[in-house]
Amino acid sequence: MVLGGEPRVPIHLLLNRVLFTQGVTEIQAMMDDLNIHKSIATSDQAEHLRKMDSEISGSQDLAALNLITRSDAERICGIVRIESDPSPEGEADV
């Protein structure tokens, strides 16, 4: 869904489908540290998202559907990927 010129991602889908190995509190702390802000979907936006994805309609309170920008979601995923990828032996972390 595009809002304000940038695609948005429902946070719970990001947590359930991509970052399922990470703790919710860890991701929330990372969002705070990175100054990532959530927006709440309007009822029209939530209805549109519900039609696009059955997981949203089945498990999410549509009145509190939180969204983040796709670029912020990519930042979080990149950090998690880097943190979970051990450096090869003998190489120092930079």
PDB file of N, CA and C in Angstrom:
ATOM      1  N   MET A   1       0.848  -1.167   0.000  1.00  0.00           N
ATOM      2  CA  MET A   1       0.000   0.000   0.000  1.00  0.00           C
ATOM      3  C   MET A   1       0.896   1.233   0.000  1.00  0.00           C
ATOM      4  N   VAL A   2       0.584   2.181  -0.862  1.00  0.00           N
ATOM      5  CA  VAL A   2       1.370   3.411  -0.964  1.00  0.00           C
ATOM      6  C   VAL A   2       0.614   4.534  -0.266  1.00  0.00           C
ATOM      7  N   LEU A   3       1.280   5.167   0.683  1.00  0.00           N
ATOM      8  CA  LEU A   3       0.729   6.317   1.401  1.00  0.00           C
ATOM      9  C   LEU A   3       1.771   7.413   1.391  1.00  0.00           C
ATOM     10  N   GLY A   4       1.375   8.614   1.064  1.00  0.00           N
ATOM     11  CA  GLY A   4       2.313   9.728   1.058  1.00  0.00           C
ATOM     12  C   GLY A   4       3.466   9.524   0.099  1.00  0.00           C
ATOM     13  N   GLY A   5       3.240   8.764  -0.972  1.00  0.00           N
ATOM     14  CA  GLY A   5       4.270   8.561  -1.970  1.00  0.00           C
ATOM     15  C   GLY A   5       5.232   7.427  -1.689  1.00  0.00           C
ATOM     16  N   GLU A   6       5.091   6.740  -0.553  1.00  0.00           N
ATOM     17  CA  GLU A   6       6.009   5.647  -0.236  1.00  0.00           C
ATOM     18  C   GLU A   6       5.225   4.415   0.209  1.00  0.00           C
ATOM     19  N   PRO A   7       5.641   3.235  -0.260  1.00  0.00           N
ATOM     20  CA  PRO A   7       4.957   2.004   0.150  1.00  0.00           C
ATOM     21  C   PRO A   7       5.042   1.796   1.663  1.00  0.00           C
ATOM     22  N   ARG A   8       3.969   1.266   2.231  1.00  0.00           N
ATOM     23  CA  ARG A   8       3.900   0.979   3.670  1.00  0.00           C
ATOM     24  C   ARG A   8       3.709  -0.515   3.877  1.00  0.00           C
ATOM     25  N   VAL A   9       4.201  -0.997   5.007  1.00  0.00           N
ATOM     26  CA  VAL A   9       4.124  -2.404   5.362  1.00  0.00           C
ATOM     27  C   VAL A   9       3.472  -2.518   6.735  1.00  0.00           C
ATOM     28  N   PRO A  10       2.467  -3.387   6.888  1.00  0.00           N
ATOM     29  CA  PRO A  10       1.922  -3.628   8.225  1.00  0.00           C
ATOM     30  C   PRO A  10       3.006  -4.260   9.108  1.00  0.00           C
ATOM     31  N   ILE A  11       3.213  -3.699  10.276  1.00  0.00           N
ATOM     32  CA  ILE A  11       4.290  -4.162  11.152  1.00  0.00           C
ATOM     33  C   ILE A  11       4.121  -5.624  11.532  1.00  0.00           C
ATOM     34  N   HIS A  12       2.898  -6.042  11.847  1.00  0.00           N
ATOM     35  CA  HIS A  12       2.745  -7.428  12.289  1.00  0.00           C
ATOM     36  C   HIS A  12       3.061  -8.421  11.173  1.00  0.00           C
ATOM     37  N   LEU A  13       2.845  -8.056   9.907  1.00  0.00           N
ATOM     38  CA  LEU A  13       3.235  -8.956   8.816  1.00  0.00           C
ATOM     39  C   LEU A  13       4.749  -9.057   8.723  1.00  0.00           C
ATOM     40  N   LEU A  14       5.428  -7.949   8.930  1.00  0.00           N
ATOM     41  CA  LEU A  14       6.888  -7.956   8.936  1.00  0.00           C
ATOM     42  C   LEU A  14       7.402  -8.867  10.051  1.00  0.00           C
ATOM     43  N   LEU A  15       6.805  -8.755  11.225  1.00  0.00           N
ATOM     44  CA  LEU A  15       7.224  -9.578  12.357  1.00  0.00           C
ATOM     45  C   LEU A  15       6.893 -11.052  12.139  1.00  0.00           C
ATOM     46  N   ASN A  16       5.718 -11.342  11.606  1.00  0.00           N
ATOM     47  CA  ASN A  16       5.275 -12.728  11.452  1.00  0.00           C
ATOM     48  C   ASN A  16       5.917 -13.449  10.280  1.00  0.00           C
ATOM     49  N   ARG A  17       6.230 -12.733   9.224  1.00  0.00           N
ATOM     50  CA  ARG A  17       6.715 -13.386   8.009  1.00  0.00           C
ATOM     51  C   ARG A  17       8.210 -13.254   7.777  1.00  0.00           C
ATOM     52  N   VAL A  18       8.806 -12.192   8.270  1.00  0.00           N
ATOM     53  CA  VAL A  18      10.215 -11.946   7.966  1.00  0.00           C
ATOM     54  C   VAL A  18      11.079 -12.027   9.218  1.00  0.00           C
ATOM     55  N   LEU A  19      10.641 -11.379  10.271  1.00  0.00           N
ATOM     56  CA  LEU A  19      11.457 -11.279  11.486  1.00  0.00           C
ATOM     57  C   LEU A  19      10.949 -12.194  12.588  1.00  0.00           C
ATOM     58  N   PHE A  20      10.390 -13.340  12.210  1.00  0.00           N
ATOM     59  CA  PHE A  20       9.770 -14.229  13.186  1.00  0.00           C
ATOM     60  C   PHE A  20      10.760 -14.819  14.178  1.00  0.00           C
ATOM     61  N   THR A  21      12.053 -14.792  13.881  1.00  0.00           N
ATOM     62  CA  THR A  21      13.048 -15.309  14.819  1.00  0.00           C
ATOM     63  C   THR A  21      13.480 -14.266  15.845  1.00  0.00           C
ATOM     64  N   GLN A  22      13.068 -13.023  15.642  1.00  0.00           N
ATOM     65  CA  GLN A  22      13.452 -11.936  16.543  1.00  0.00           C
ATOM     66  C   GLN A  22      12.347 -11.681  17.552  1.00  0.00           C
ATOM     67  N   GLY A  23      12.710 -11.207  18.712  1.00  0.00           N
ATOM     68  CA  GLY A  23      11.728 -10.851  19.719  1.00  0.00           C
ATOM     69  C   GLY A  23      11.057  -9.525  19.391  1.00  0.00           C
ATOM     70  N   VAL A  24       9.776  -9.439  19.717  1.00  0.00           N
ATOM     71  CA  VAL A  24       9.020  -8.216  19.446  1.00  0.00           C
ATOM     72  C   VAL A  24       9.631  -7.038  20.192  1.00  0.00           C
ATOM     73  N   THR A  25      10.018  -7.245  21.448  1.00  0.00           N
ATOM     74  CA  THR A  25      10.604  -6.140  22.213  1.00  0.00           C
ATOM     75  C   THR A  25      11.942  -5.705  21.615  1.00  0.00           C
ATOM     76  N   GLU A  26      12.689  -6.658  21.079  1.00  0.00           N
ATOM     77  CA  GLU A  26      13.965  -6.326  20.430  1.00  0.00           C
ATOM     78  C   GLU A  26      13.724  -5.459  19.189  1.00  0.00           C
ATOM     79  N   ILE A  27      12.725  -5.820  18.398  1.00  0.00           N
ATOM     80  CA  ILE A  27      12.403  -5.045  17.197  1.00  0.00           C
ATOM     81  C   ILE A  27      11.874  -3.667  17.585  1.00  0.00           C
ATOM     82  N   GLN A  28      11.036  -3.606  18.611  1.00  0.00           N
ATOM     83  CA  GLN A  28      10.519  -2.312  19.064  1.00  0.00           C
ATOM     84  C   GLN A  28      11.649  -1.419  19.554  1.00  0.00           C
ATOM     85  N   ALA A  29      12.607  -1.987  20.285  1.00  0.00           N
ATOM     86  CA  ALA A  29      13.755  -1.207  20.753  1.00  0.00           C
ATOM     87  C   ALA A  29      14.587  -0.715  19.572  1.00  0.00           C
ATOM     88  N   MET A  30      14.746  -1.567  18.562  1.00  0.00           N
ATOM     89  CA  MET A  30      15.493  -1.174  17.368  1.00  0.00           C
ATOM     90  C   MET A  30      14.779  -0.027  16.652  1.00  0.00           C
ATOM     91  N   MET A  31      13.456  -0.105  16.570  1.00  0.00           N
ATOM     92  CA  MET A  31      12.690   0.966  15.930  1.00  0.00           C
ATOM     93  C   MET A  31      12.848   2.270  16.700  1.00  0.00           C
ATOM     94  N   ASP A  32      12.856   2.193  18.025  1.00  0.00           N
ATOM     95  CA  ASP A  32      13.064   3.394  18.837  1.00  0.00           C
ATOM     96  C   ASP A  32      14.458   3.969  18.600  1.00  0.00           C
ATOM     97  N   ASP A  33      15.476   3.094  18.601  1.00  0.00           N
ATOM     98  CA  ASP A  33      16.854   3.543  18.392  1.00  0.00           C
ATOM     99  C   ASP A  33      17.049   4.187  17.019  1.00  0.00           C
ATOM    100  N   LEU A  34      16.369   3.651  16.010  1.00  0.00           N
ATOM    101  CA  LEU A  34      16.503   4.160  14.641  1.00  0.00           C
ATOM    102  C   LEU A  34      15.543   5.301  14.341  1.00  0.00           C
ATOM    103  N   ASN A  35      14.748   5.674  15.342  1.00  0.00           N
ATOM    104  CA  ASN A  35      13.770   6.758  15.187  1.00  0.00           C
ATOM    105  C   ASN A  35      12.771   6.452  14.065  1.00  0.00           C
ATOM    106  N   ILE A  36      12.296   5.201  14.050  1.00  0.00           N
ATOM    107  CA  ILE A  36      11.312   4.763  13.066  1.00  0.00           C
ATOM    108  C   ILE A  36       9.934   4.954  13.668  1.00  0.00           C
ATOM    109  N   HIS A  37       9.106   5.688  12.966  1.00  0.00           N
ATOM    110  CA  HIS A  37       7.768   5.998  13.457  1.00  0.00           C
ATOM    111  C   HIS A  37       6.729   5.123  12.778  1.00  0.00           C
ATOM    112  N   LYS A  38       5.725   4.737  13.551  1.00  0.00           N
ATOM    113  CA  LYS A  38       4.614   3.953  13.030  1.00  0.00           C
ATOM    114  C   LYS A  38       3.464   4.897  12.711  1.00  0.00           C
ATOM    115  N   SER A  39       2.674   4.518  11.733  1.00  0.00           N
ATOM    116  CA  SER A  39       1.435   5.238  11.470  1.00  0.00           C
ATOM    117  C   SER A  39       0.296   4.236  11.600  1.00  0.00           C
ATOM    118  N   ILE A  40      -0.856   4.727  11.983  1.00  0.00           N
ATOM    119  CA  ILE A  40      -2.025   3.870  12.128  1.00  0.00           C
ATOM    120  C   ILE A  40      -2.862   4.011  10.868  1.00  0.00           C
ATOM    121  N   ALA A  41      -3.215   2.886  10.279  1.00  0.00           N
ATOM    122  CA  ALA A  41      -4.003   2.898   9.052  1.00  0.00           C
ATOM    123  C   ALA A  41      -5.404   3.432   9.326  1.00  0.00           C
ATOM    124  N   THR A  42      -5.916   4.203   8.388  1.00  0.00           N
ATOM    125  CA  THR A  42      -7.306   4.649   8.484  1.00  0.00           C
ATOM    126  C   THR A  42      -8.201   3.443   8.207  1.00  0.00           C
ATOM    127  N   SER A  43      -9.481   3.588   8.462  1.00  0.00           N
ATOM    128  CA  SER A  43     -10.394   2.462   8.229  1.00  0.00           C
ATOM    129  C   SER A  43     -10.419   2.069   6.748  1.00  0.00           C
ATOM    130  N   ASP A  44     -10.334   3.044   5.843  1.00  0.00           N
ATOM    131  CA  ASP A  44     -10.297   2.732   4.408  1.00  0.00           C
ATOM    132  C   ASP A  44      -9.019   1.972   4.040  1.00  0.00           C
ATOM    133  N   GLN A  45      -7.882   2.413   4.586  1.00  0.00           N
ATOM    134  CA  GLN A  45      -6.617   1.739   4.321  1.00  0.00           C
ATOM    135  C   GLN A  45      -6.634   0.326   4.897  1.00  0.00           C
ATOM    136  N   ALA A  46      -7.161   0.182   6.107  1.00  0.00           N
ATOM    137  CA  ALA A  46      -7.235  -1.133   6.740  1.00  0.00           C
ATOM    138  C   ALA A  46      -8.134  -2.066   5.936  1.00  0.00           C
ATOM    139  N   GLU A  47      -9.231  -1.559   5.444  1.00  0.00           N
ATOM    140  CA  GLU A  47     -10.135  -2.368   4.624  1.00  0.00           C
ATOM    141  C   GLU A  47      -9.441  -2.813   3.339  1.00  0.00           C
ATOM    142  N   HIS A  48      -8.697  -1.911   2.714  1.00  0.00           N
ATOM    143  CA  HIS A  48      -7.945  -2.242   1.501  1.00  0.00           C
ATOM    144  C   HIS A  48      -6.906  -3.328   1.799  1.00  0.00           C
ATOM    145  N   LEU A  49      -6.185  -3.193   2.898  1.00  0.00           N
ATOM    146  CA  LEU A  49      -5.192  -4.195   3.282  1.00  0.00           C
ATOM    147  C   LEU A  49      -5.843  -5.533   3.594  1.00  0.00           C
ATOM    148  N   ARG A  50      -7.001  -5.492   4.224  1.00  0.00           N
ATOM    149  CA  ARG A  50      -7.701  -6.731   4.574  1.00  0.00           C
ATOM    150  C   ARG A  50      -8.091  -7.492   3.309  1.00  0.00           C
ATOM    151  N   LYS A  51      -8.495  -6.781   2.273  1.00  0.00           N
ATOM    152  CA  LYS A  51      -8.852  -7.434   1.012  1.00  0.00           C
ATOM    153  C   LYS A  51      -7.625  -8.030   0.328  1.00  0.00           C
ATOM    154  N   MET A  52      -6.462  -7.427   0.553  1.00  0.00           N
ATOM    155  CA  MET A  52      -5.227  -7.895  -0.077  1.00  0.00           C
ATOM    156  C   MET A  52      -4.627  -9.102   0.633  1.00  0.00           C
ATOM    157  N   ASP A  53      -4.854  -9.226   1.939  1.00  0.00           N
ATOM    158  CA  ASP A  53      -4.179 -10.266   2.713  1.00  0.00           C
ATOM    159  C   ASP A  53      -5.108 -10.821   3.776  1.00  0.00           C
ATOM    160  N   SER A  54      -5.388 -12.109   3.708  1.00  0.00           N
ATOM    161  CA  SER A  54      -6.316 -12.731   4.655  1.00  0.00           C
ATOM    162  C   SER A  54      -5.763 -12.757   6.076  1.00  0.00           C
ATOM    163  N   GLU A  55      -4.442 -12.759   6.236  1.00  0.00           N
ATOM    164  CA  GLU A  55      -3.853 -12.774   7.578  1.00  0.00           C
ATOM    165  C   GLU A  55      -4.203 -11.507   8.352  1.00  0.00           C
ATOM    166  N   ILE A  56      -4.342 -10.402   7.659  1.00  0.00           N
ATOM    167  CA  ILE A  56      -4.699  -9.147   8.317  1.00  0.00           C
ATOM    168  C   ILE A  56      -6.114  -9.225   8.860  1.00  0.00           C
ATOM    169  N   SER A  57      -7.046  -9.726   8.062  1.00  0.00           N
ATOM    170  CA  SER A  57      -8.440  -9.771   8.496  1.00  0.00           C
ATOM    171  C   SER A  57      -8.649 -10.770   9.620  1.00  0.00           C
ATOM    172  N   GLY A  58      -7.857 -11.829   9.645  1.00  0.00           N
ATOM    173  CA  GLY A  58      -8.070 -12.857  10.648  1.00  0.00           C
ATOM    174  C   GLY A  58      -7.425 -12.600  11.986  1.00  0.00           C
ATOM    175  N   SER A  59      -6.345 -11.841  12.018  1.00  0.00           N
ATOM    176  CA  SER A  59      -5.578 -11.768  13.260  1.00  0.00           C
ATOM    177  C   SER A  59      -5.340 -10.367  13.790  1.00  0.00           C
ATOM    178  N   GLN A  60      -5.743  -9.374  13.077  1.00  0.00           N
ATOM    179  CA  GLN A  60      -5.367  -8.019  13.466  1.00  0.00           C
ATOM    180  C   GLN A  60      -6.583  -7.169  13.776  1.00  0.00           C
ATOM    181  N   ASP A  61      -6.513  -6.434  14.860  1.00  0.00           N
ATOM    182  CA  ASP A  61      -7.537  -5.438  15.166  1.00  0.00           C
ATOM    183  C   ASP A  61      -7.361  -4.306  14.163  1.00  0.00           C
ATOM    184  N   LEU A  62      -8.317  -4.164  13.267  1.00  0.00           N
ATOM    185  CA  LEU A  62      -8.168  -3.189  12.188  1.00  0.00           C
ATOM    186  C   LEU A  62      -8.149  -1.754  12.694  1.00  0.00           C
ATOM    187  N   ALA A  63      -8.615  -1.526  13.916  1.00  0.00           N
ATOM    188  CA  ALA A  63      -8.587  -0.172  14.466  1.00  0.00           C
ATOM    189  C   ALA A  63      -7.178   0.228  14.899  1.00  0.00           C
ATOM    190  N   ALA A  64      -6.276  -0.739  15.033  1.00  0.00           N
ATOM    191  CA  ALA A  64      -4.919  -0.440  15.492  1.00  0.00           C
ATOM    192  C   ALA A  64      -3.880  -1.058  14.558  1.00  0.00           C
ATOM    193  N   LEU A  65      -4.125  -0.983  13.262  1.00  0.00           N
ATOM    194  CA  LEU A  65      -3.214  -1.547  12.282  1.00  0.00           C
ATOM    195  C   LEU A  65      -2.052  -0.578  12.068  1.00  0.00           C
ATOM    196  N   ASN A  66      -0.874  -0.945  12.568  1.00  0.00           N
ATOM    197  CA  ASN A  66       0.309  -0.093  12.481  1.00  0.00           C
ATOM    198  C   ASN A  66       1.076  -0.365  11.196  1.00  0.00           C
ATOM    199  N   LEU A  67       1.526   0.712  10.570  1.00  0.00           N
ATOM    200  CA  LEU A  67       2.274   0.629   9.320  1.00  0.00           C
ATOM    201  C   LEU A  67       3.610   1.339   9.476  1.00  0.00           C
ATOM    202  N   ILE A  68       4.632   0.835   8.755  1.00  0.00           N
ATOM    203  CA  ILE A  68       5.903   1.549   8.641  1.00  0.00           C
ATOM    204  C   ILE A  68       6.249   1.609   7.157  1.00  0.00           C
ATOM    205  N   THR A  69       7.126   2.527   6.809  1.00  0.00           N
ATOM    206  CA  THR A  69       7.514   2.642   5.405  1.00  0.00           C
ATOM    207  C   THR A  69       8.333   1.420   4.995  1.00  0.00           C
ATOM    208  N   ARG A  70       8.272   1.109   3.718  1.00  0.00           N
ATOM    209  CA  ARG A  70       9.036  -0.034   3.223  1.00  0.00           C
ATOM    210  C   ARG A  70      10.531   0.193   3.430  1.00  0.00           C
ATOM    211  N   SER A  71      10.997   1.426   3.245  1.00  0.00           N
ATOM    212  CA  SER A  71      12.426   1.691   3.434  1.00  0.00           C
ATOM    213  C   SER A  71      12.838   1.468   4.889  1.00  0.00           C
ATOM    214  N   ASP A  72      11.971   1.814   5.847  1.00  0.00           N
ATOM    215  CA  ASP A  72      12.274   1.532   7.254  1.00  0.00           C
ATOM    216  C   ASP A  72      12.269   0.029   7.516  1.00  0.00           C
ATOM    217  N   ALA A  73      11.335  -0.696   6.904  1.00  0.00           N
ATOM    218  CA  ALA A  73      11.302  -2.156   7.045  1.00  0.00           C
ATOM    219  C   ALA A  73      12.587  -2.767   6.490  1.00  0.00           C
ATOM    220  N   GLU A  74      13.064  -2.238   5.371  1.00  0.00           N
ATOM    221  CA  GLU A  74      14.313  -2.724   4.782  1.00  0.00           C
ATOM    222  C   GLU A  74      15.503  -2.422   5.685  1.00  0.00           C
ATOM    223  N   ARG A  75      15.502  -1.270   6.341  1.00  0.00           N
ATOM    224  CA  ARG A  75      16.579  -0.931   7.286  1.00  0.00           C
ATOM    225  C   ARG A  75      16.620  -1.946   8.420  1.00  0.00           C
ATOM    226  N   ILE A  76      15.455  -2.245   8.988  1.00  0.00           N
ATOM    227  CA  ILE A  76      15.386  -3.199  10.099  1.00  0.00           C
ATOM    228  C   ILE A  76      15.873  -4.571   9.643  1.00  0.00           C
ATOM    229  N   CYS A  77      15.378  -5.036   8.503  1.00  0.00           N
ATOM    230  CA  CYS A  77      15.775  -6.353   7.994  1.00  0.00           C
ATOM    231  C   CYS A  77      17.274  -6.413   7.719  1.00  0.00           C
ATOM    232  N   GLY A  78      17.833  -5.334   7.188  1.00  0.00           N
ATOM    233  CA  GLY A  78      19.263  -5.297   6.917  1.00  0.00           C
ATOM    234  C   GLY A  78      20.092  -5.395   8.184  1.00  0.00           C
ATOM    235  N   ILE A  79      19.672  -4.700   9.218  1.00  0.00           N
ATOM    236  CA  ILE A  79      20.397  -4.746  10.492  1.00  0.00           C
ATOM    237  C   ILE A  79      20.305  -6.129  11.106  1.00  0.00           C
ATOM    238  N   VAL A  80      19.117  -6.714  11.096  1.00  0.00           N
ATOM    239  CA  VAL A  80      18.939  -8.057  11.658  1.00  0.00           C
ATOM    240  C   VAL A  80      19.779  -9.061  10.880  1.00  0.00           C
ATOM    241  N   ARG A  81      19.799  -8.940   9.566  1.00  0.00           N
ATOM    242  CA  ARG A  81      20.585  -9.862   8.743  1.00  0.00           C
ATOM    243  C   ARG A  81      22.068  -9.740   9.058  1.00  0.00           C
ATOM    244  N   ILE A  82      22.559  -8.519   9.166  1.00  0.00           N
ATOM    245  CA  ILE A  82      23.975  -8.298   9.470  1.00  0.00           C
ATOM    246  C   ILE A  82      24.315  -8.830  10.858  1.00  0.00           C
ATOM    247  N   GLU A  83      23.440  -8.575  11.842  1.00  0.00           N
ATOM    248  CA  GLU A  83      23.702  -9.033  13.204  1.00  0.00           C
ATOM    249  C   GLU A  83      23.655 -10.549  13.316  1.00  0.00           C
ATOM    250  N   SER A  84      22.865 -11.210  12.486  1.00  0.00           N
ATOM    251  CA  SER A  84      22.730 -12.660  12.590  1.00  0.00           C
ATOM    252  C   SER A  84      23.722 -13.406  11.708  1.00  0.00           C
ATOM    253  N   ASP A  85      24.472 -12.695  10.872  1.00  0.00           N
ATOM    254  CA  ASP A  85      25.434 -13.308   9.971  1.00  0.00           C
ATOM    255  C   ASP A  85      26.815 -13.249  10.611  1.00  0.00           C
ATOM    256  N   PRO A  86      27.292 -14.373  11.136  1.00  0.00           N
ATOM    257  CA  PRO A  86      28.609 -14.342  11.783  1.00  0.00           C
ATOM    258  C   PRO A  86      29.711 -14.087  10.760  1.00  0.00           C
ATOM    259  N   SER A  87      30.700 -13.322  11.179  1.00  0.00           N
ATOM    260  CA  SER A  87      31.820 -13.050  10.277  1.00  0.00           C
ATOM    261  C   SER A  87      32.691 -14.300  10.186  1.00  0.00           C
ATOM    262  N   PRO A  88      33.322 -14.507   9.043  1.00  0.00           N
ATOM    263  CA  PRO A  88      34.202 -15.669   8.883  1.00  0.00           C
ATOM    264  C   PRO A  88      35.327 -15.641   9.913  1.00  0.00           C
ATOM    265  N   GLU A  89      35.768 -16.821  10.300  1.00  0.00           N
ATOM    266  CA  GLU A  89      36.842 -16.900  11.294  1.00  0.00           C
ATOM    267  C   GLU A  89      38.104 -16.234  10.765  1.00  0.00           C
ATOM    268  N   GLY A  90      38.754 -15.543  11.637  1.00  0.00           N
ATOM    269  CA  GLY A  90      39.992 -14.880  11.262  1.00  0.00           C
ATOM    270  C   GLY A  90      39.795 -13.453  10.786  1.00  0.00           C
ATOM    271  N   GLU A  91      38.564 -13.087  10.457  1.00  0.00           N
ATOM    272  CA  GLU A  91      38.312 -11.712  10.035  1.00  0.00           C
ATOM    273  C   GLU A  91      37.806 -10.910  11.210  1.00  0.00           C
ATOM    274  N   ALA A  92      38.337  -9.743  11.362  1.00  0.00           N
ATOM    275  CA  ALA A  92      37.889  -8.862  12.440  1.00  0.00           C
ATOM    276  C   ALA A  92      36.652  -8.106  11.987  1.00  0.00           C
ATOM    277  N   ASP A  93      35.741  -7.857  12.925  1.00  0.00           N
ATOM    278  CA  ASP A  93      34.573  -7.038  12.616  1.00  0.00           C
ATOM    279  C   ASP A  93      35.011  -5.609  12.365  1.00  0.00           C
ATOM    280  N   VAL A  94      34.407  -4.980  11.398  1.00  0.00           N
ATOM    281  CA  VAL A  94      34.750  -3.601  11.055  1.00  0.00           C
ATOM    282  C   VAL A  94      33.749  -2.673  11.674  1.00  0.00           C
TER     283      VAL A  94
END
